[in-house]
């Protein structure tokens, strides 16, 4: 990896890790699905604005959009919703640590569905990853109650969904990243809009 790659990776880590903190703050006031809708909707608008500036446009065939619908479910709708819900039960730091299991789930998914071999380096990486996550979350599990266990299960399920999305993304790797991201977010927004509306409606009736 070049120096710029390491810099970009570090920047991405800061952005991704910081998201857990801000989600943790927001879910105290905003319902999880509403928060996720705002997250993907704002991002979709931003990328739709940038697409023409980079000389790109959204896909123009139903077949490709069908692939993006699945990718949006696996990479945005399910994991974002589960993480937001999980953070109503557990702390942001623990959610971030649990989300770090995503590469472990990805390796397992790729082995099961894509037949990728588990080389020695990959096995060592998996073992070290599991050991690191176990060491960081051990005290939390020991003192966990049912509520926190539900939150942990939700975030781990989100990590599994990310692993499945990595496998599905292989079908879309010929598409420019900015187009792929924009199409996913457009699909996610369209799916979450009615779900968040129904959830809010039920909450109002319950109140």
N, C-alpha and C. Protein backbone atom coordinates (compact mmCIF):
# COMPACT_ATOMS: atom_id res chain seq x y z
N UNK A 1 0.84 -1.20 0.00
CA UNK A 1 0.00 0.00 0.00
C UNK A 1 0.86 1.24 0.00
N UNK A 2 0.42 2.24 -0.78
CA UNK A 2 1.15 3.50 -0.83
C UNK A 2 0.82 4.33 0.41
N UNK A 3 1.63 5.37 0.61
CA UNK A 3 1.40 6.24 1.77
C UNK A 3 0.01 6.86 1.72
N UNK A 4 -0.43 7.28 0.52
CA UNK A 4 -1.76 7.88 0.40
C UNK A 4 -2.85 6.89 0.76
N UNK A 5 -2.62 5.60 0.46
CA UNK A 5 -3.61 4.58 0.81
C UNK A 5 -3.75 4.46 2.33
N UNK A 6 -2.63 4.50 3.04
CA UNK A 6 -2.67 4.44 4.50
C UNK A 6 -3.36 5.67 5.08
N UNK A 7 -3.09 6.83 4.49
CA UNK A 7 -3.73 8.07 4.96
C UNK A 7 -5.24 8.01 4.75
N UNK A 8 -5.66 7.55 3.58
CA UNK A 8 -7.09 7.44 3.29
C UNK A 8 -7.76 6.41 4.20
N UNK A 9 -7.04 5.31 4.47
CA UNK A 9 -7.58 4.28 5.35
C UNK A 9 -7.77 4.82 6.77
N UNK A 10 -6.78 5.58 7.23
CA UNK A 10 -6.89 6.18 8.56
C UNK A 10 -8.04 7.18 8.62
N UNK A 11 -8.20 7.97 7.56
CA UNK A 11 -9.29 8.95 7.50
C UNK A 11 -10.64 8.25 7.50
N UNK A 12 -10.74 7.16 6.73
CA UNK A 12 -11.97 6.38 6.70
C UNK A 12 -12.28 5.80 8.07
N UNK A 13 -11.26 5.32 8.77
CA UNK A 13 -11.45 4.74 10.10
C UNK A 13 -12.01 5.78 11.07
N UNK A 14 -11.49 7.00 10.98
CA UNK A 14 -11.97 8.07 11.86
C UNK A 14 -13.44 8.37 11.56
N UNK A 15 -13.77 8.49 10.27
CA UNK A 15 -15.16 8.78 9.89
C UNK A 15 -16.09 7.65 10.33
N UNK A 16 -15.69 6.41 10.05
CA UNK A 16 -16.54 5.26 10.36
C UNK A 16 -16.69 5.09 11.86
N UNK A 17 -15.59 5.21 12.58
CA UNK A 17 -15.66 5.07 14.03
C UNK A 17 -16.46 6.19 14.67
N UNK A 18 -16.31 7.41 14.15
CA UNK A 18 -17.05 8.54 14.70
C UNK A 18 -18.55 8.41 14.50
N UNK A 19 -18.95 7.68 13.46
CA UNK A 19 -20.38 7.50 13.20
C UNK A 19 -21.08 6.83 14.37
N UNK A 20 -20.40 5.91 15.03
CA UNK A 20 -21.02 5.22 16.17
C UNK A 20 -21.30 6.19 17.31
N UNK A 21 -20.39 7.12 17.53
CA UNK A 21 -20.61 8.12 18.58
C UNK A 21 -21.83 8.97 18.27
N UNK A 22 -21.91 9.47 17.03
CA UNK A 22 -23.02 10.35 16.67
C UNK A 22 -24.35 9.60 16.64
N UNK A 23 -24.32 8.35 16.19
CA UNK A 23 -25.55 7.54 16.23
C UNK A 23 -25.99 7.34 17.67
N UNK A 24 -25.02 7.06 18.55
CA UNK A 24 -25.34 6.87 19.96
C UNK A 24 -26.01 8.09 20.58
N UNK A 25 -25.57 9.28 20.16
CA UNK A 25 -26.18 10.52 20.65
C UNK A 25 -27.58 10.69 20.06
N UNK A 26 -27.71 10.42 18.76
CA UNK A 26 -28.97 10.69 18.06
C UNK A 26 -30.10 9.76 18.47
N UNK A 27 -29.78 8.46 18.69
CA UNK A 27 -30.86 7.51 19.00
C UNK A 27 -31.51 7.76 20.35
N UNK A 28 -30.90 8.62 21.15
CA UNK A 28 -31.53 8.99 22.41
C UNK A 28 -32.76 9.88 22.18
N UNK A 29 -32.81 10.53 20.98
CA UNK A 29 -33.90 11.45 20.68
C UNK A 29 -34.70 11.07 19.44
N UNK A 30 -34.08 10.34 18.51
CA UNK A 30 -34.71 10.05 17.22
C UNK A 30 -34.90 8.54 17.07
N UNK A 31 -36.07 8.08 16.61
CA UNK A 31 -36.28 6.64 16.39
C UNK A 31 -35.23 6.08 15.41
N UNK A 32 -34.77 4.84 15.63
CA UNK A 32 -33.71 4.29 14.79
C UNK A 32 -33.98 4.35 13.29
N UNK A 33 -35.18 3.96 12.85
CA UNK A 33 -35.47 3.95 11.42
C UNK A 33 -35.49 5.36 10.84
N UNK A 34 -35.98 6.32 11.60
CA UNK A 34 -35.96 7.71 11.14
C UNK A 34 -34.52 8.21 11.00
N UNK A 35 -33.69 7.84 11.95
CA UNK A 35 -32.28 8.22 11.90
C UNK A 35 -31.59 7.61 10.68
N UNK A 36 -31.86 6.34 10.43
CA UNK A 36 -31.23 5.67 9.28
C UNK A 36 -31.73 6.28 7.98
N UNK A 37 -33.03 6.60 7.91
CA UNK A 37 -33.57 7.25 6.71
C UNK A 37 -32.87 8.58 6.46
N UNK A 38 -32.69 9.37 7.51
CA UNK A 38 -31.99 10.65 7.35
C UNK A 38 -30.56 10.42 6.88
N UNK A 39 -29.92 9.41 7.43
CA UNK A 39 -28.52 9.12 7.09
C UNK A 39 -28.38 8.79 5.60
N UNK A 40 -29.20 7.87 5.11
CA UNK A 40 -29.06 7.46 3.71
C UNK A 40 -29.64 8.51 2.77
N UNK A 41 -30.71 9.20 3.20
CA UNK A 41 -31.33 10.20 2.34
C UNK A 41 -30.41 11.38 2.07
N UNK A 42 -29.77 11.89 3.12
CA UNK A 42 -28.84 13.02 2.95
C UNK A 42 -27.65 12.60 2.09
N UNK A 43 -27.15 11.38 2.35
CA UNK A 43 -26.00 10.89 1.57
C UNK A 43 -26.38 10.70 0.10
N UNK A 44 -27.61 10.21 -0.15
CA UNK A 44 -28.06 10.01 -1.53
C UNK A 44 -28.13 11.34 -2.27
N UNK A 45 -28.68 12.37 -1.63
CA UNK A 45 -28.76 13.69 -2.26
C UNK A 45 -27.37 14.24 -2.56
N UNK A 46 -26.44 14.04 -1.63
CA UNK A 46 -25.08 14.55 -1.84
C UNK A 46 -24.42 13.87 -3.04
N UNK A 47 -24.56 12.54 -3.12
CA UNK A 47 -23.91 11.83 -4.22
C UNK A 47 -24.61 12.09 -5.56
N UNK A 48 -25.92 12.25 -5.54
CA UNK A 48 -26.63 12.57 -6.79
C UNK A 48 -26.17 13.92 -7.33
N UNK A 49 -25.81 14.83 -6.44
CA UNK A 49 -25.29 16.13 -6.86
C UNK A 49 -23.89 15.99 -7.46
N UNK A 50 -23.09 15.07 -6.89
CA UNK A 50 -21.71 14.92 -7.35
C UNK A 50 -21.58 14.10 -8.63
N UNK A 51 -22.53 13.20 -8.88
CA UNK A 51 -22.42 12.31 -10.04
C UNK A 51 -22.13 13.05 -11.35
N UNK A 52 -22.93 14.03 -11.75
CA UNK A 52 -22.64 14.69 -13.03
C UNK A 52 -21.32 15.45 -13.03
N UNK A 53 -20.88 15.90 -11.86
CA UNK A 53 -19.61 16.62 -11.79
C UNK A 53 -18.44 15.70 -12.13
N UNK A 54 -18.60 14.39 -11.86
CA UNK A 54 -17.56 13.41 -12.17
C UNK A 54 -17.83 12.69 -13.50
N UNK A 55 -18.82 13.16 -14.22
CA UNK A 55 -19.12 12.59 -15.53
C UNK A 55 -19.83 11.25 -15.48
N UNK A 56 -20.57 11.00 -14.41
CA UNK A 56 -21.29 9.72 -14.28
C UNK A 56 -22.78 9.96 -14.20
N UNK A 57 -23.53 8.87 -14.32
CA UNK A 57 -24.98 8.92 -14.14
C UNK A 57 -25.44 7.60 -13.54
N UNK A 58 -26.65 7.58 -13.07
CA UNK A 58 -27.19 6.37 -12.47
C UNK A 58 -27.42 5.29 -13.52
N UNK A 59 -27.47 4.02 -13.10
CA UNK A 59 -27.73 2.93 -14.05
C UNK A 59 -29.05 3.14 -14.80
N UNK A 60 -29.13 2.60 -16.01
CA UNK A 60 -30.33 2.81 -16.82
C UNK A 60 -31.03 1.50 -17.21
N UNK A 61 -30.71 0.40 -16.51
CA UNK A 61 -31.39 -0.86 -16.79
C UNK A 61 -31.98 -1.43 -15.51
N UNK A 62 -33.14 -2.07 -15.63
CA UNK A 62 -33.81 -2.67 -14.48
C UNK A 62 -32.98 -3.79 -13.87
N UNK A 63 -32.26 -4.52 -14.72
CA UNK A 63 -31.45 -5.64 -14.22
C UNK A 63 -30.40 -5.15 -13.23
N UNK A 64 -29.72 -4.05 -13.58
CA UNK A 64 -28.69 -3.50 -12.69
C UNK A 64 -29.33 -2.93 -11.43
N UNK A 65 -30.47 -2.27 -11.57
CA UNK A 65 -31.15 -1.74 -10.39
C UNK A 65 -31.58 -2.86 -9.45
N UNK A 66 -31.95 -4.00 -10.03
CA UNK A 66 -32.31 -5.15 -9.19
C UNK A 66 -31.14 -5.60 -8.34
N UNK A 67 -29.94 -5.59 -8.91
CA UNK A 67 -28.74 -5.94 -8.15
C UNK A 67 -28.50 -4.94 -7.03
N UNK A 68 -28.75 -3.67 -7.32
CA UNK A 68 -28.53 -2.64 -6.31
C UNK A 68 -29.57 -2.68 -5.19
N UNK A 69 -30.76 -3.14 -5.50
CA UNK A 69 -31.77 -3.30 -4.45
C UNK A 69 -31.28 -4.29 -3.40
N UNK A 70 -30.76 -5.42 -3.87
CA UNK A 70 -30.23 -6.43 -2.94
C UNK A 70 -29.05 -5.87 -2.17
N UNK A 71 -28.15 -5.18 -2.88
CA UNK A 71 -26.98 -4.61 -2.22
C UNK A 71 -27.37 -3.56 -1.19
N UNK A 72 -28.39 -2.78 -1.49
CA UNK A 72 -28.86 -1.76 -0.56
C UNK A 72 -29.41 -2.40 0.71
N UNK A 73 -30.14 -3.49 0.55
CA UNK A 73 -30.69 -4.19 1.71
C UNK A 73 -29.58 -4.73 2.59
N UNK A 74 -28.57 -5.36 1.97
CA UNK A 74 -27.51 -6.01 2.72
C UNK A 74 -26.49 -5.02 3.28
N UNK A 75 -26.25 -3.93 2.57
CA UNK A 75 -25.16 -3.03 2.96
C UNK A 75 -25.63 -1.76 3.67
N UNK A 76 -26.92 -1.44 3.55
CA UNK A 76 -27.42 -0.22 4.18
C UNK A 76 -28.62 -0.48 5.09
N UNK A 77 -29.71 -0.95 4.50
CA UNK A 77 -30.97 -1.03 5.24
C UNK A 77 -30.85 -1.92 6.48
N UNK A 78 -30.40 -3.16 6.29
CA UNK A 78 -30.31 -4.09 7.43
C UNK A 78 -29.24 -3.66 8.43
N UNK A 79 -27.98 -3.48 8.01
CA UNK A 79 -26.95 -3.18 9.02
C UNK A 79 -27.14 -1.82 9.70
N UNK A 80 -27.49 -0.78 8.94
CA UNK A 80 -27.69 0.53 9.56
C UNK A 80 -28.81 0.48 10.59
N UNK A 81 -29.90 -0.21 10.24
CA UNK A 81 -31.05 -0.30 11.15
C UNK A 81 -30.70 -1.10 12.39
N UNK A 82 -30.00 -2.22 12.19
CA UNK A 82 -29.62 -3.05 13.33
C UNK A 82 -28.64 -2.34 14.26
N UNK A 83 -27.70 -1.62 13.68
CA UNK A 83 -26.73 -0.90 14.51
C UNK A 83 -27.43 0.20 15.30
N UNK A 84 -28.30 0.95 14.63
CA UNK A 84 -29.02 2.02 15.34
C UNK A 84 -29.88 1.44 16.45
N UNK A 85 -30.56 0.33 16.16
CA UNK A 85 -31.37 -0.31 17.20
C UNK A 85 -30.48 -0.85 18.31
N UNK A 86 -29.37 -1.49 17.94
CA UNK A 86 -28.47 -2.04 18.94
C UNK A 86 -27.92 -0.98 19.87
N UNK A 87 -27.70 0.22 19.33
CA UNK A 87 -27.14 1.30 20.16
C UNK A 87 -28.17 1.92 21.10
N UNK A 88 -29.41 1.48 21.00
CA UNK A 88 -30.38 1.87 22.03
C UNK A 88 -30.24 0.97 23.26
N UNK A 89 -29.41 -0.08 23.14
CA UNK A 89 -29.23 -1.03 24.24
C UNK A 89 -27.79 -1.09 24.75
N UNK A 90 -26.82 -0.72 23.92
CA UNK A 90 -25.41 -0.81 24.32
C UNK A 90 -24.69 0.49 23.99
N UNK A 91 -23.51 0.66 24.59
CA UNK A 91 -22.73 1.88 24.38
C UNK A 91 -22.11 1.92 22.99
N UNK A 92 -21.81 3.13 22.53
CA UNK A 92 -21.24 3.32 21.20
C UNK A 92 -19.92 2.59 21.03
N UNK A 93 -19.07 2.63 22.07
CA UNK A 93 -17.76 1.97 21.98
C UNK A 93 -17.89 0.49 21.77
N UNK A 94 -18.80 -0.15 22.50
CA UNK A 94 -19.01 -1.58 22.35
C UNK A 94 -19.56 -1.90 20.96
N UNK A 95 -20.47 -1.07 20.47
CA UNK A 95 -21.01 -1.29 19.13
C UNK A 95 -19.91 -1.23 18.08
N UNK A 96 -18.99 -0.28 18.23
CA UNK A 96 -17.88 -0.16 17.28
C UNK A 96 -16.98 -1.39 17.32
N UNK A 97 -16.72 -1.89 18.52
CA UNK A 97 -15.87 -3.08 18.67
C UNK A 97 -16.55 -4.28 18.01
N UNK A 98 -17.83 -4.45 18.26
CA UNK A 98 -18.55 -5.58 17.68
C UNK A 98 -18.60 -5.48 16.16
N UNK A 99 -18.73 -4.27 15.66
CA UNK A 99 -18.75 -4.07 14.22
C UNK A 99 -17.42 -4.44 13.57
N UNK A 100 -16.35 -4.44 14.39
CA UNK A 100 -15.03 -4.83 13.88
C UNK A 100 -14.96 -6.30 13.51
N UNK A 101 -16.02 -7.06 13.82
CA UNK A 101 -16.05 -8.48 13.41
C UNK A 101 -16.44 -8.62 11.94
N UNK A 102 -16.75 -7.52 11.26
CA UNK A 102 -17.15 -7.59 9.86
C UNK A 102 -16.15 -8.35 8.98
N UNK A 103 -14.84 -8.09 9.07
CA UNK A 103 -13.90 -8.87 8.24
C UNK A 103 -13.94 -10.37 8.54
N UNK A 104 -14.21 -10.73 9.80
CA UNK A 104 -14.29 -12.14 10.15
C UNK A 104 -15.48 -12.80 9.47
N UNK A 105 -16.63 -12.13 9.53
CA UNK A 105 -17.81 -12.65 8.86
C UNK A 105 -17.61 -12.69 7.35
N UNK A 106 -16.92 -11.69 6.81
CA UNK A 106 -16.68 -11.65 5.37
C UNK A 106 -15.85 -12.85 4.92
N UNK A 107 -14.82 -13.18 5.69
CA UNK A 107 -14.00 -14.35 5.36
C UNK A 107 -14.84 -15.62 5.35
N UNK A 108 -15.71 -15.76 6.35
CA UNK A 108 -16.55 -16.96 6.43
C UNK A 108 -17.52 -17.01 5.25
N UNK A 109 -18.14 -15.87 4.94
CA UNK A 109 -19.09 -15.82 3.83
C UNK A 109 -18.40 -16.14 2.52
N UNK A 110 -17.21 -15.56 2.30
CA UNK A 110 -16.49 -15.82 1.06
C UNK A 110 -16.07 -17.28 0.94
N UNK A 111 -15.76 -17.89 2.07
CA UNK A 111 -15.40 -19.30 2.06
C UNK A 111 -16.61 -20.17 1.72
N UNK A 112 -17.75 -19.86 2.31
CA UNK A 112 -18.94 -20.68 2.13
C UNK A 112 -19.59 -20.50 0.76
N UNK A 113 -19.65 -19.25 0.30
CA UNK A 113 -20.41 -18.96 -0.91
C UNK A 113 -19.56 -18.73 -2.16
N UNK A 114 -18.31 -18.34 -1.97
CA UNK A 114 -17.44 -18.09 -3.12
C UNK A 114 -16.31 -19.10 -3.23
N UNK A 115 -16.18 -19.97 -2.23
CA UNK A 115 -15.15 -21.00 -2.27
C UNK A 115 -13.74 -20.48 -2.14
N UNK A 116 -13.58 -19.27 -1.58
CA UNK A 116 -12.23 -18.72 -1.42
C UNK A 116 -11.47 -19.52 -0.38
N UNK A 117 -10.23 -19.90 -0.66
CA UNK A 117 -9.47 -20.70 0.31
C UNK A 117 -9.07 -19.91 1.54
N UNK A 118 -9.05 -20.58 2.66
CA UNK A 118 -8.59 -19.97 3.90
C UNK A 118 -7.09 -20.24 4.03
N UNK A 119 -6.28 -19.28 3.60
CA UNK A 119 -4.83 -19.45 3.68
C UNK A 119 -4.36 -19.29 5.12
N UNK A 120 -3.09 -19.61 5.33
CA UNK A 120 -2.53 -19.50 6.67
C UNK A 120 -2.64 -18.10 7.22
N UNK A 121 -2.34 -17.10 6.39
CA UNK A 121 -2.42 -15.71 6.83
C UNK A 121 -3.84 -15.32 7.21
N UNK A 122 -4.82 -15.81 6.43
CA UNK A 122 -6.22 -15.49 6.73
C UNK A 122 -6.65 -16.13 8.04
N UNK A 123 -6.23 -17.37 8.25
CA UNK A 123 -6.60 -18.07 9.49
C UNK A 123 -5.99 -17.35 10.69
N UNK A 124 -4.72 -16.94 10.57
CA UNK A 124 -4.07 -16.20 11.65
C UNK A 124 -4.82 -14.90 11.91
N UNK A 125 -5.20 -14.22 10.82
CA UNK A 125 -5.94 -12.97 10.96
C UNK A 125 -7.27 -13.16 11.67
N UNK A 126 -7.98 -14.25 11.33
CA UNK A 126 -9.26 -14.54 11.96
C UNK A 126 -9.08 -14.80 13.45
N UNK A 127 -8.08 -15.62 13.78
CA UNK A 127 -7.83 -15.95 15.18
C UNK A 127 -7.47 -14.71 15.99
N UNK A 128 -6.58 -13.88 15.43
CA UNK A 128 -6.20 -12.66 16.12
C UNK A 128 -7.39 -11.69 16.25
N UNK A 129 -8.20 -11.64 15.21
CA UNK A 129 -9.37 -10.77 15.25
C UNK A 129 -10.36 -11.19 16.31
N UNK A 130 -10.64 -12.50 16.37
CA UNK A 130 -11.57 -13.02 17.38
C UNK A 130 -11.01 -12.78 18.78
N UNK A 131 -9.71 -13.01 18.93
CA UNK A 131 -9.08 -12.81 20.24
C UNK A 131 -9.15 -11.34 20.66
N UNK A 132 -8.91 -10.44 19.72
CA UNK A 132 -8.97 -9.02 20.03
C UNK A 132 -10.36 -8.56 20.43
N UNK A 133 -11.36 -8.99 19.67
CA UNK A 133 -12.74 -8.62 19.99
C UNK A 133 -13.16 -9.22 21.33
N UNK A 134 -12.77 -10.48 21.56
CA UNK A 134 -13.11 -11.14 22.83
C UNK A 134 -12.49 -10.42 24.01
N UNK A 135 -11.23 -9.98 23.86
CA UNK A 135 -10.56 -9.28 24.95
C UNK A 135 -11.22 -7.95 25.25
N UNK A 136 -11.67 -7.25 24.19
CA UNK A 136 -12.26 -5.94 24.38
C UNK A 136 -13.68 -6.00 24.94
N UNK A 137 -14.44 -7.03 24.53
CA UNK A 137 -15.83 -7.08 24.97
C UNK A 137 -16.07 -8.08 26.09
N UNK A 138 -15.02 -8.77 26.54
CA UNK A 138 -15.17 -9.76 27.60
C UNK A 138 -15.88 -9.25 28.84
N UNK A 139 -15.42 -8.12 29.41
CA UNK A 139 -16.09 -7.59 30.60
C UNK A 139 -17.54 -7.24 30.36
N UNK A 140 -17.85 -6.75 29.15
CA UNK A 140 -19.23 -6.38 28.85
C UNK A 140 -20.14 -7.61 28.83
N UNK A 141 -19.64 -8.71 28.25
CA UNK A 141 -20.43 -9.93 28.18
C UNK A 141 -20.64 -10.51 29.58
N UNK A 142 -19.60 -10.46 30.40
CA UNK A 142 -19.68 -11.00 31.76
C UNK A 142 -20.77 -10.30 32.57
N UNK A 143 -20.88 -8.99 32.39
CA UNK A 143 -21.84 -8.21 33.18
C UNK A 143 -23.11 -7.89 32.39
N UNK A 144 -23.34 -8.59 31.27
CA UNK A 144 -24.46 -8.25 30.39
C UNK A 144 -25.79 -8.69 30.98
N UNK A 145 -26.83 -7.89 30.71
CA UNK A 145 -28.20 -8.30 31.00
C UNK A 145 -28.89 -8.60 29.67
N UNK A 146 -30.17 -8.95 29.71
CA UNK A 146 -30.86 -9.33 28.49
C UNK A 146 -30.91 -8.19 27.48
N UNK A 147 -31.08 -6.96 27.96
CA UNK A 147 -31.14 -5.82 27.06
C UNK A 147 -29.84 -5.63 26.29
N UNK A 148 -28.71 -5.69 27.01
CA UNK A 148 -27.43 -5.50 26.34
C UNK A 148 -27.10 -6.68 25.41
N UNK A 149 -27.53 -7.88 25.78
CA UNK A 149 -27.31 -9.04 24.90
C UNK A 149 -28.08 -8.88 23.59
N UNK A 150 -29.29 -8.34 23.68
CA UNK A 150 -30.07 -8.07 22.47
C UNK A 150 -29.34 -7.04 21.59
N UNK A 151 -28.79 -5.99 22.22
CA UNK A 151 -28.05 -4.99 21.47
C UNK A 151 -26.82 -5.56 20.80
N UNK A 152 -26.09 -6.42 21.53
CA UNK A 152 -24.90 -7.05 20.96
C UNK A 152 -25.27 -7.94 19.77
N UNK A 153 -26.35 -8.71 19.92
CA UNK A 153 -26.78 -9.60 18.84
C UNK A 153 -27.16 -8.80 17.60
N UNK A 154 -27.79 -7.64 17.80
CA UNK A 154 -28.18 -6.80 16.67
C UNK A 154 -26.96 -6.30 15.91
N UNK A 155 -25.94 -5.83 16.63
CA UNK A 155 -24.75 -5.29 15.96
C UNK A 155 -23.96 -6.41 15.29
N UNK A 156 -23.88 -7.58 15.92
CA UNK A 156 -23.20 -8.72 15.28
C UNK A 156 -23.94 -9.16 14.02
N UNK A 157 -25.27 -9.11 14.05
CA UNK A 157 -26.04 -9.46 12.86
C UNK A 157 -25.79 -8.45 11.74
N UNK A 158 -25.59 -7.18 12.13
CA UNK A 158 -25.25 -6.17 11.14
C UNK A 158 -23.90 -6.47 10.50
N UNK A 159 -22.94 -6.91 11.30
CA UNK A 159 -21.63 -7.27 10.76
C UNK A 159 -21.74 -8.44 9.78
N UNK A 160 -22.59 -9.40 10.09
CA UNK A 160 -22.82 -10.52 9.17
C UNK A 160 -23.43 -10.02 7.87
N UNK A 161 -24.36 -9.07 7.96
CA UNK A 161 -24.98 -8.51 6.76
C UNK A 161 -23.94 -7.81 5.89
N UNK A 162 -23.01 -7.11 6.52
CA UNK A 162 -21.92 -6.49 5.76
C UNK A 162 -21.09 -7.56 5.03
N UNK A 163 -20.85 -8.68 5.71
CA UNK A 163 -20.11 -9.75 5.06
C UNK A 163 -20.83 -10.29 3.84
N UNK A 164 -22.15 -10.45 3.94
CA UNK A 164 -22.95 -10.90 2.80
C UNK A 164 -22.94 -9.87 1.68
N UNK A 165 -22.95 -8.59 2.05
CA UNK A 165 -22.94 -7.54 1.02
C UNK A 165 -21.61 -7.53 0.27
N UNK A 166 -20.52 -7.86 0.96
CA UNK A 166 -19.22 -7.92 0.28
C UNK A 166 -19.22 -9.00 -0.79
N UNK A 167 -19.88 -10.12 -0.48
CA UNK A 167 -20.00 -11.20 -1.47
C UNK A 167 -20.86 -10.74 -2.64
N UNK A 168 -22.00 -10.10 -2.36
CA UNK A 168 -22.90 -9.67 -3.43
C UNK A 168 -22.28 -8.58 -4.29
N UNK A 169 -21.43 -7.76 -3.68
CA UNK A 169 -20.82 -6.64 -4.39
C UNK A 169 -19.93 -7.10 -5.54
N UNK A 170 -19.52 -8.35 -5.51
CA UNK A 170 -18.69 -8.87 -6.61
C UNK A 170 -19.40 -8.75 -7.94
N UNK A 171 -20.73 -8.76 -7.93
CA UNK A 171 -21.51 -8.62 -9.16
C UNK A 171 -21.50 -7.20 -9.69
N UNK A 172 -21.07 -6.26 -8.86
CA UNK A 172 -21.17 -4.84 -9.22
C UNK A 172 -19.80 -4.16 -9.30
N UNK A 173 -18.72 -4.94 -9.25
CA UNK A 173 -17.40 -4.31 -9.14
C UNK A 173 -16.97 -3.60 -10.42
N UNK A 174 -17.66 -3.84 -11.56
CA UNK A 174 -17.32 -3.15 -12.80
C UNK A 174 -17.90 -1.74 -12.83
N UNK A 175 -18.79 -1.44 -11.90
CA UNK A 175 -19.44 -0.13 -11.86
C UNK A 175 -18.61 0.83 -11.02
N UNK A 176 -18.41 2.07 -11.46
CA UNK A 176 -17.62 3.04 -10.69
C UNK A 176 -18.14 3.17 -9.25
N UNK A 177 -17.25 3.27 -8.28
CA UNK A 177 -17.67 3.32 -6.87
C UNK A 177 -18.69 4.39 -6.55
N UNK A 178 -18.54 5.59 -7.12
CA UNK A 178 -19.47 6.67 -6.79
C UNK A 178 -20.86 6.36 -7.33
N UNK A 179 -20.93 5.71 -8.49
CA UNK A 179 -22.23 5.31 -9.05
C UNK A 179 -22.84 4.21 -8.19
N UNK A 180 -22.02 3.26 -7.79
CA UNK A 180 -22.49 2.17 -6.94
C UNK A 180 -23.05 2.70 -5.62
N UNK A 181 -22.31 3.60 -5.00
CA UNK A 181 -22.75 4.16 -3.72
C UNK A 181 -24.04 4.95 -3.87
N UNK A 182 -24.11 5.77 -4.91
CA UNK A 182 -25.31 6.58 -5.13
C UNK A 182 -26.53 5.70 -5.38
N UNK A 183 -26.38 4.68 -6.21
CA UNK A 183 -27.51 3.79 -6.52
C UNK A 183 -27.97 3.03 -5.27
N UNK A 184 -27.02 2.55 -4.48
CA UNK A 184 -27.38 1.87 -3.23
C UNK A 184 -28.18 2.79 -2.31
N UNK A 185 -27.71 4.02 -2.17
CA UNK A 185 -28.36 4.96 -1.25
C UNK A 185 -29.73 5.39 -1.75
N UNK A 186 -29.89 5.52 -3.06
CA UNK A 186 -31.21 5.83 -3.61
C UNK A 186 -32.19 4.70 -3.31
N UNK A 187 -31.75 3.45 -3.52
CA UNK A 187 -32.60 2.30 -3.22
C UNK A 187 -32.91 2.23 -1.73
N UNK A 188 -31.91 2.47 -0.90
CA UNK A 188 -32.10 2.42 0.56
C UNK A 188 -33.11 3.47 1.01
N UNK A 189 -32.99 4.68 0.46
CA UNK A 189 -33.92 5.75 0.82
C UNK A 189 -35.35 5.38 0.44
N UNK A 190 -35.52 4.84 -0.77
CA UNK A 190 -36.85 4.46 -1.23
C UNK A 190 -37.46 3.37 -0.36
N UNK A 191 -36.65 2.44 0.12
CA UNK A 191 -37.16 1.36 0.96
C UNK A 191 -37.44 1.82 2.39
N UNK A 192 -36.59 2.70 2.90
CA UNK A 192 -36.72 3.12 4.30
C UNK A 192 -37.80 4.16 4.50
N UNK A 193 -38.14 4.91 3.47
CA UNK A 193 -39.14 5.96 3.61
C UNK A 193 -40.48 5.41 4.12
N UNK A 194 -41.05 4.38 3.50
CA UNK A 194 -42.31 3.86 4.04
C UNK A 194 -42.13 3.15 5.38
N UNK A 195 -41.00 2.46 5.57
CA UNK A 195 -40.77 1.76 6.84
C UNK A 195 -40.70 2.74 8.00
N UNK A 196 -39.97 3.82 7.81
CA UNK A 196 -39.86 4.83 8.87
C UNK A 196 -41.20 5.50 9.12
N UNK A 197 -41.98 5.72 8.04
CA UNK A 197 -43.30 6.33 8.20
C UNK A 197 -44.24 5.45 9.00
N UNK A 198 -44.25 4.16 8.69
CA UNK A 198 -45.10 3.22 9.43
C UNK A 198 -44.68 3.17 10.90
N UNK A 199 -43.37 3.14 11.14
CA UNK A 199 -42.88 3.08 12.51
C UNK A 199 -43.28 4.32 13.31
N UNK A 200 -43.17 5.48 12.68
CA UNK A 200 -43.57 6.71 13.35
C UNK A 200 -45.07 6.72 13.62
N UNK A 201 -45.85 6.23 12.64
CA UNK A 201 -47.30 6.19 12.80
C UNK A 201 -47.72 5.31 13.96
N UNK A 202 -47.06 4.16 14.09
CA UNK A 202 -47.35 3.26 15.22
C UNK A 202 -46.96 3.89 16.55
N UNK A 203 -45.83 4.60 16.54
CA UNK A 203 -45.39 5.26 17.77
C UNK A 203 -46.37 6.33 18.19
N UNK A 204 -46.93 7.06 17.21
CA UNK A 204 -47.91 8.10 17.53
C UNK A 204 -49.19 7.48 18.09
N UNK A 205 -49.62 6.35 17.51
CA UNK A 205 -50.83 5.68 18.00
C UNK A 205 -50.63 5.17 19.42
N UNK A 206 -49.41 4.63 19.67
CA UNK A 206 -49.12 4.11 21.00
C UNK A 206 -49.10 5.22 22.05
N UNK A 207 -48.64 6.40 21.63
CA UNK A 207 -48.59 7.54 22.55
C UNK A 207 -50.00 8.08 22.82
